[in-house]
Amino acid sequence: MCERCGSSSHRLASRRGFLTGAAALAGAAVLAGSPGFLRPAFAQAPNAISPDEALQRLTEGNARYVAGEPTDKDFEAGRAARAAAQYPFASILSCADSRIAPELAFDQGPGDLFVVRVAGNVAADDGIASLEYGSAVLGVPLILVLGHTSCGAVDAAIKVVKDNAVLPGHLPQLIGQITPAVKTAMEGNPSDLLAAATAQNVRNAMTRLSDDSPVLSEMIAGGKVKVVGGIYEIATGRVSLLA
């Protein structure tokens, strides 16, 4: 042990630092359970728009992307401002598929979207927590659950349900969250089971966000947040909203 590290003054300073950090964490926990947890200038924030306006921005951005007419972006502009705070106007729960990039698909720049990505766009606990943070702390008014055509995760779930396929590693835990959508879709005898199960998987995630999260359900009931679903068509880039 070095002489400095073993000194009583250093031990005292370390203890003070620990107590200060613990107090800060405790304070944050208290704030998290109170209305003060929300940003003080919430109503004046740049993303203080209605859920419908946020959805319109996404729709218009996707139309530009599909048409090959994206807006010019200066990625250097606004870096200093983004270092101080972020004001995303929409959260996207998207599949991790490499062929999908939400910021590109909706023609948005840095700081515009709060994106959570996981294979099969499942609403797992950590993803829900992230989306709760986005809406309750960052003031995001819209959550879009985004599935896509030719989803490998949904296809794997179909193989598990129909063929009793056995998956390696942690895949069973992930795919197990998608199999209920496959079973529900099969009840309708669809001509395209993959497409039907993909859409149902999106709806299941929407339901979980709305029903299983007290934070989000309260904001949804109050009209502050809306949850919608859509399917990204890989061949065209077009996002079709689910009814």
Protein backbone atom coordinates (compact mmCIF):
# COMPACT_ATOMS: atom_id res chain seq x y z
CA MET A 1 0.00 0.00 0.00
CA CYS A 2 1.39 3.41 -0.93
CA GLU A 3 1.94 6.00 1.78
CA ARG A 4 -0.62 8.38 0.24
CA CYS A 5 -3.31 5.73 -0.04
CA GLY A 6 -2.80 4.68 3.55
CA SER A 7 -2.94 8.18 5.01
CA SER A 8 -5.82 9.10 7.29
CA SER A 9 -6.48 12.26 5.29
CA HIS A 10 -6.84 10.28 2.08
CA ARG A 11 -9.15 7.76 3.75
CA LEU A 12 -11.26 10.63 5.08
CA ALA A 13 -11.44 12.25 1.63
CA SER A 14 -12.41 8.94 0.06
CA ARG A 15 -15.12 8.40 2.68
CA ARG A 16 -16.45 11.91 2.09
CA GLY A 17 -16.49 11.26 -1.64
CA PHE A 18 -18.36 8.02 -1.16
CA LEU A 19 -20.92 9.63 1.14
CA THR A 20 -21.39 12.51 -1.31
CA GLY A 21 -21.95 10.08 -4.18
CA ALA A 22 -24.35 7.98 -2.11
CA ALA A 23 -26.32 11.08 -1.16
CA ALA A 24 -26.54 12.11 -4.80
CA LEU A 25 -27.84 8.68 -5.79
CA ALA A 26 -30.36 8.72 -2.96
CA GLY A 27 -31.52 12.16 -4.04
CA ALA A 28 -31.95 10.97 -7.60
CA ALA A 29 -34.01 8.03 -6.39
CA VAL A 30 -36.30 10.35 -4.44
CA LEU A 31 -36.71 12.62 -7.44
CA ALA A 32 -37.54 9.67 -9.65
CA GLY A 33 -40.63 9.04 -7.55
CA SER A 34 -41.85 12.63 -7.65
CA PRO A 35 -43.19 15.04 -10.28
CA GLY A 36 -39.89 16.92 -9.98
CA PHE A 37 -38.23 14.06 -11.83
CA LEU A 38 -39.56 15.56 -15.04
CA ARG A 39 -37.56 18.29 -16.71
CA PRO A 40 -38.45 21.70 -15.12
CA ALA A 41 -38.83 23.44 -18.50
CA PHE A 42 -40.75 20.48 -19.94
CA ALA A 43 -43.44 22.58 -21.63
CA GLN A 44 -40.89 24.84 -23.34
CA ALA A 45 -38.65 22.04 -24.62
CA PRO A 46 -38.09 21.77 -28.40
CA ASN A 47 -39.78 18.35 -28.37
CA ALA A 48 -42.85 19.60 -26.49
CA ILE A 49 -45.15 18.72 -29.38
CA SER A 50 -48.25 16.54 -29.62
CA PRO A 51 -47.91 12.81 -30.36
CA ASP A 52 -49.76 13.36 -33.64
CA GLU A 53 -47.33 16.07 -34.72
CA ALA A 54 -44.42 13.78 -33.90
CA LEU A 55 -45.99 11.02 -35.99
CA GLN A 56 -46.48 13.45 -38.87
CA ARG A 57 -42.78 14.31 -38.75
CA LEU A 58 -41.89 10.63 -38.98
CA THR A 59 -44.34 10.07 -41.84
CA GLU A 60 -43.01 13.01 -43.82
CA GLY A 61 -39.42 11.95 -43.18
CA ASN A 62 -40.08 8.42 -44.36
CA ALA A 63 -41.71 9.77 -47.53
CA ARG A 64 -38.54 11.75 -48.27
CA TYR A 65 -36.41 8.65 -47.63
CA VAL A 66 -38.49 6.47 -49.94
CA ALA A 67 -38.37 9.13 -52.67
CA GLY A 68 -34.59 9.44 -52.33
CA GLU A 69 -34.92 13.10 -51.38
CA PRO A 70 -33.50 13.37 -47.85
CA THR A 71 -32.85 16.76 -46.32
CA ASP A 72 -29.29 18.05 -46.27
CA LYS A 73 -27.76 17.59 -42.83
CA ASP A 74 -24.83 19.32 -41.17
CA PHE A 75 -23.77 16.77 -38.56
CA GLU A 76 -21.34 19.22 -36.96
CA ALA A 77 -24.02 21.81 -36.31
CA GLY A 78 -25.63 21.54 -32.91
CA ARG A 79 -22.99 19.34 -31.30
CA ALA A 80 -22.37 21.83 -28.50
CA ALA A 81 -26.08 22.12 -27.79
CA ARG A 82 -26.53 18.34 -27.82
CA ALA A 83 -23.69 18.01 -25.34
CA ALA A 84 -25.78 19.99 -22.86
CA ALA A 85 -29.16 18.31 -23.41
CA GLN A 86 -31.19 16.11 -25.75
CA TYR A 87 -34.74 16.60 -26.99
CA PRO A 88 -35.76 13.62 -29.19
CA PHE A 89 -39.31 13.91 -30.50
CA ALA A 90 -39.94 10.19 -31.05
CA SER A 91 -38.79 6.88 -29.59
CA ILE A 92 -38.36 3.87 -31.88
CA LEU A 93 -38.40 0.27 -30.66
CA SER A 94 -36.77 -1.37 -33.66
CA CYS A 95 -35.34 -4.71 -34.68
CA ALA A 96 -31.54 -4.94 -34.65
CA ASP A 97 -31.53 -6.03 -38.31
CA SER A 98 -28.61 -4.36 -40.09
CA ARG A 99 -30.78 -3.42 -43.06
CA ILE A 100 -32.80 -0.99 -40.97
CA ALA A 101 -31.51 2.35 -39.70
CA PRO A 102 -34.34 4.37 -38.08
CA GLU A 103 -32.56 7.72 -38.37
CA LEU A 104 -32.15 7.15 -42.11
CA ALA A 105 -35.59 5.61 -42.65
CA PHE A 106 -37.26 8.67 -41.14
CA ASP A 107 -34.74 11.20 -42.47
CA GLN A 108 -33.78 12.51 -39.05
CA GLY A 109 -30.52 13.78 -37.61
CA PRO A 110 -28.58 13.33 -34.36
CA GLY A 111 -30.69 13.98 -31.29
CA ASP A 112 -34.03 13.61 -33.09
CA LEU A 113 -34.83 9.98 -32.28
CA PHE A 114 -34.46 7.90 -29.11
CA VAL A 115 -33.83 4.42 -30.50
CA VAL A 116 -34.00 1.07 -28.70
CA ARG A 117 -32.93 -1.88 -30.85
CA VAL A 118 -33.21 -5.60 -30.18
CA ALA A 119 -33.71 -8.55 -32.50
CA GLY A 120 -37.42 -9.05 -33.09
CA ASN A 121 -38.24 -5.60 -31.64
CA VAL A 122 -39.49 -7.29 -28.48
CA ALA A 123 -40.59 -5.19 -25.52
CA ALA A 124 -38.27 -6.68 -22.91
CA ASP A 125 -37.88 -5.15 -19.45
CA ASP A 126 -34.71 -3.21 -20.17
CA GLY A 127 -36.14 -1.86 -23.39
CA ILE A 128 -39.31 -0.76 -21.62
CA ALA A 129 -37.20 0.97 -18.98
CA SER A 130 -35.33 2.84 -21.71
CA LEU A 131 -38.60 3.95 -23.31
CA GLU A 132 -39.92 5.03 -19.91
CA TYR A 133 -36.83 7.17 -19.52
CA GLY A 134 -37.36 8.63 -22.97
CA SER A 135 -40.90 9.75 -22.27
CA ALA A 136 -40.79 10.54 -18.53
CA VAL A 137 -37.40 12.26 -18.46
CA LEU A 138 -36.66 13.41 -22.00
CA GLY A 139 -40.26 14.33 -22.84
CA VAL A 140 -40.68 12.08 -25.90
CA PRO A 141 -44.37 12.19 -26.92
CA LEU A 142 -44.42 9.27 -29.39
CA ILE A 143 -43.27 5.65 -29.30
CA LEU A 144 -43.20 3.68 -32.56
CA VAL A 145 -42.74 -0.10 -32.44
CA LEU A 146 -41.13 -0.91 -35.78
CA GLY A 147 -41.20 -4.41 -37.20
CA HIS A 148 -39.98 -5.26 -40.69
CA THR A 149 -40.45 -7.66 -43.57
CA SER A 150 -38.35 -10.84 -43.70
CA CYS A 151 -37.63 -10.69 -39.98
CA GLY A 152 -35.24 -13.50 -39.06
CA ALA A 153 -36.24 -13.46 -35.40
CA VAL A 154 -39.92 -13.95 -36.21
CA ASP A 155 -39.04 -16.64 -38.74
CA ALA A 156 -37.04 -18.44 -36.05
CA ALA A 157 -40.06 -18.26 -33.73
CA ILE A 158 -42.20 -19.84 -36.45
CA LYS A 159 -39.72 -22.71 -36.77
CA VAL A 160 -39.77 -23.21 -33.00
CA VAL A 161 -43.58 -23.34 -32.93
CA LYS A 162 -44.15 -25.42 -36.07
CA ASP A 163 -41.04 -27.60 -36.23
CA ASN A 164 -39.90 -27.69 -32.59
CA ALA A 165 -36.59 -26.18 -33.64
CA VAL A 166 -33.97 -26.01 -30.87
CA LEU A 167 -31.94 -22.81 -30.73
CA PRO A 168 -28.49 -22.34 -29.14
CA GLY A 169 -27.24 -19.96 -26.49
CA HIS A 170 -29.53 -17.19 -25.28
CA LEU A 171 -31.74 -17.32 -28.37
CA PRO A 172 -34.51 -19.37 -26.70
CA GLN A 173 -35.11 -16.57 -24.17
CA LEU A 174 -35.38 -13.99 -26.93
CA ILE A 175 -37.43 -16.05 -29.38
CA GLY A 176 -39.70 -17.19 -26.56
CA GLN A 177 -40.99 -13.62 -26.37
CA ILE A 178 -42.05 -13.81 -30.03
CA THR A 179 -43.70 -17.26 -30.10
CA PRO A 180 -46.99 -15.97 -28.58
CA ALA A 181 -47.37 -13.72 -31.64
CA VAL A 182 -46.81 -16.69 -33.93
CA LYS A 183 -49.45 -18.77 -32.14
CA THR A 184 -51.96 -15.94 -32.28
CA ALA A 185 -51.27 -15.35 -35.98
CA MET A 186 -51.68 -19.07 -36.76
CA GLU A 187 -55.23 -18.99 -35.39
CA GLY A 188 -56.24 -16.88 -38.39
CA ASN A 189 -54.77 -19.33 -40.94
CA PRO A 190 -53.00 -16.50 -42.84
CA SER A 191 -51.66 -17.05 -46.34
CA ASP A 192 -48.39 -15.41 -45.24
CA LEU A 193 -47.66 -16.54 -41.70
CA LEU A 194 -44.38 -14.60 -41.48
CA ALA A 195 -46.09 -11.31 -42.34
CA ALA A 196 -49.01 -11.99 -40.01
CA ALA A 197 -46.77 -13.01 -37.12
CA THR A 198 -44.53 -9.98 -37.67
CA ALA A 199 -47.52 -7.64 -37.43
CA GLN A 200 -48.89 -9.48 -34.39
CA ASN A 201 -45.48 -9.29 -32.71
CA VAL A 202 -45.54 -5.51 -33.14
CA ARG A 203 -49.05 -5.35 -31.65
CA ASN A 204 -47.98 -7.50 -28.70
CA ALA A 205 -45.11 -5.11 -27.97
CA MET A 206 -47.48 -2.15 -28.20
CA THR A 207 -49.85 -3.81 -25.73
CA ARG A 208 -47.08 -4.54 -23.28
CA LEU A 209 -45.84 -0.95 -23.39
CA SER A 210 -49.37 0.32 -22.80
CA ASP A 211 -50.48 -2.19 -20.17
CA ASP A 212 -47.38 -3.37 -18.29
CA SER A 213 -45.64 -0.05 -17.71
CA PRO A 214 -47.28 2.13 -15.04
CA VAL A 215 -45.10 5.04 -16.13
CA LEU A 216 -46.14 4.87 -19.78
CA SER A 217 -49.75 3.84 -19.18
CA GLU A 218 -50.34 6.94 -17.06
CA MET A 219 -48.80 9.20 -19.70
CA ILE A 220 -50.82 7.48 -22.44
CA ALA A 221 -54.04 7.89 -20.48
CA GLY A 222 -53.24 11.58 -20.03
CA GLY A 223 -52.67 12.09 -23.75
CA LYS A 224 -48.99 12.97 -23.29
CA VAL A 225 -47.70 9.86 -25.07
CA LYS A 226 -49.01 7.73 -27.92
CA VAL A 227 -47.81 4.24 -28.89
CA VAL A 228 -48.12 3.22 -32.54
CA GLY A 229 -46.85 0.34 -34.65
CA GLY A 230 -45.47 0.01 -38.14
CA ILE A 231 -43.79 -2.37 -40.59
CA TYR A 232 -40.67 -1.37 -42.49
CA GLU A 233 -40.57 -2.84 -46.00
CA ILE A 234 -36.95 -3.68 -46.67
CA ALA A 235 -37.36 -3.72 -50.46
CA THR A 236 -38.77 -0.16 -50.64
CA GLY A 237 -37.89 1.52 -47.35
CA ARG A 238 -41.53 2.42 -46.82
CA VAL A 239 -43.03 2.25 -43.34
CA SER A 240 -46.68 1.19 -43.22
CA LEU A 241 -48.51 1.98 -40.00
CA LEU A 242 -50.66 -0.70 -38.44
CA ALA A 243 -54.33 0.03 -37.88
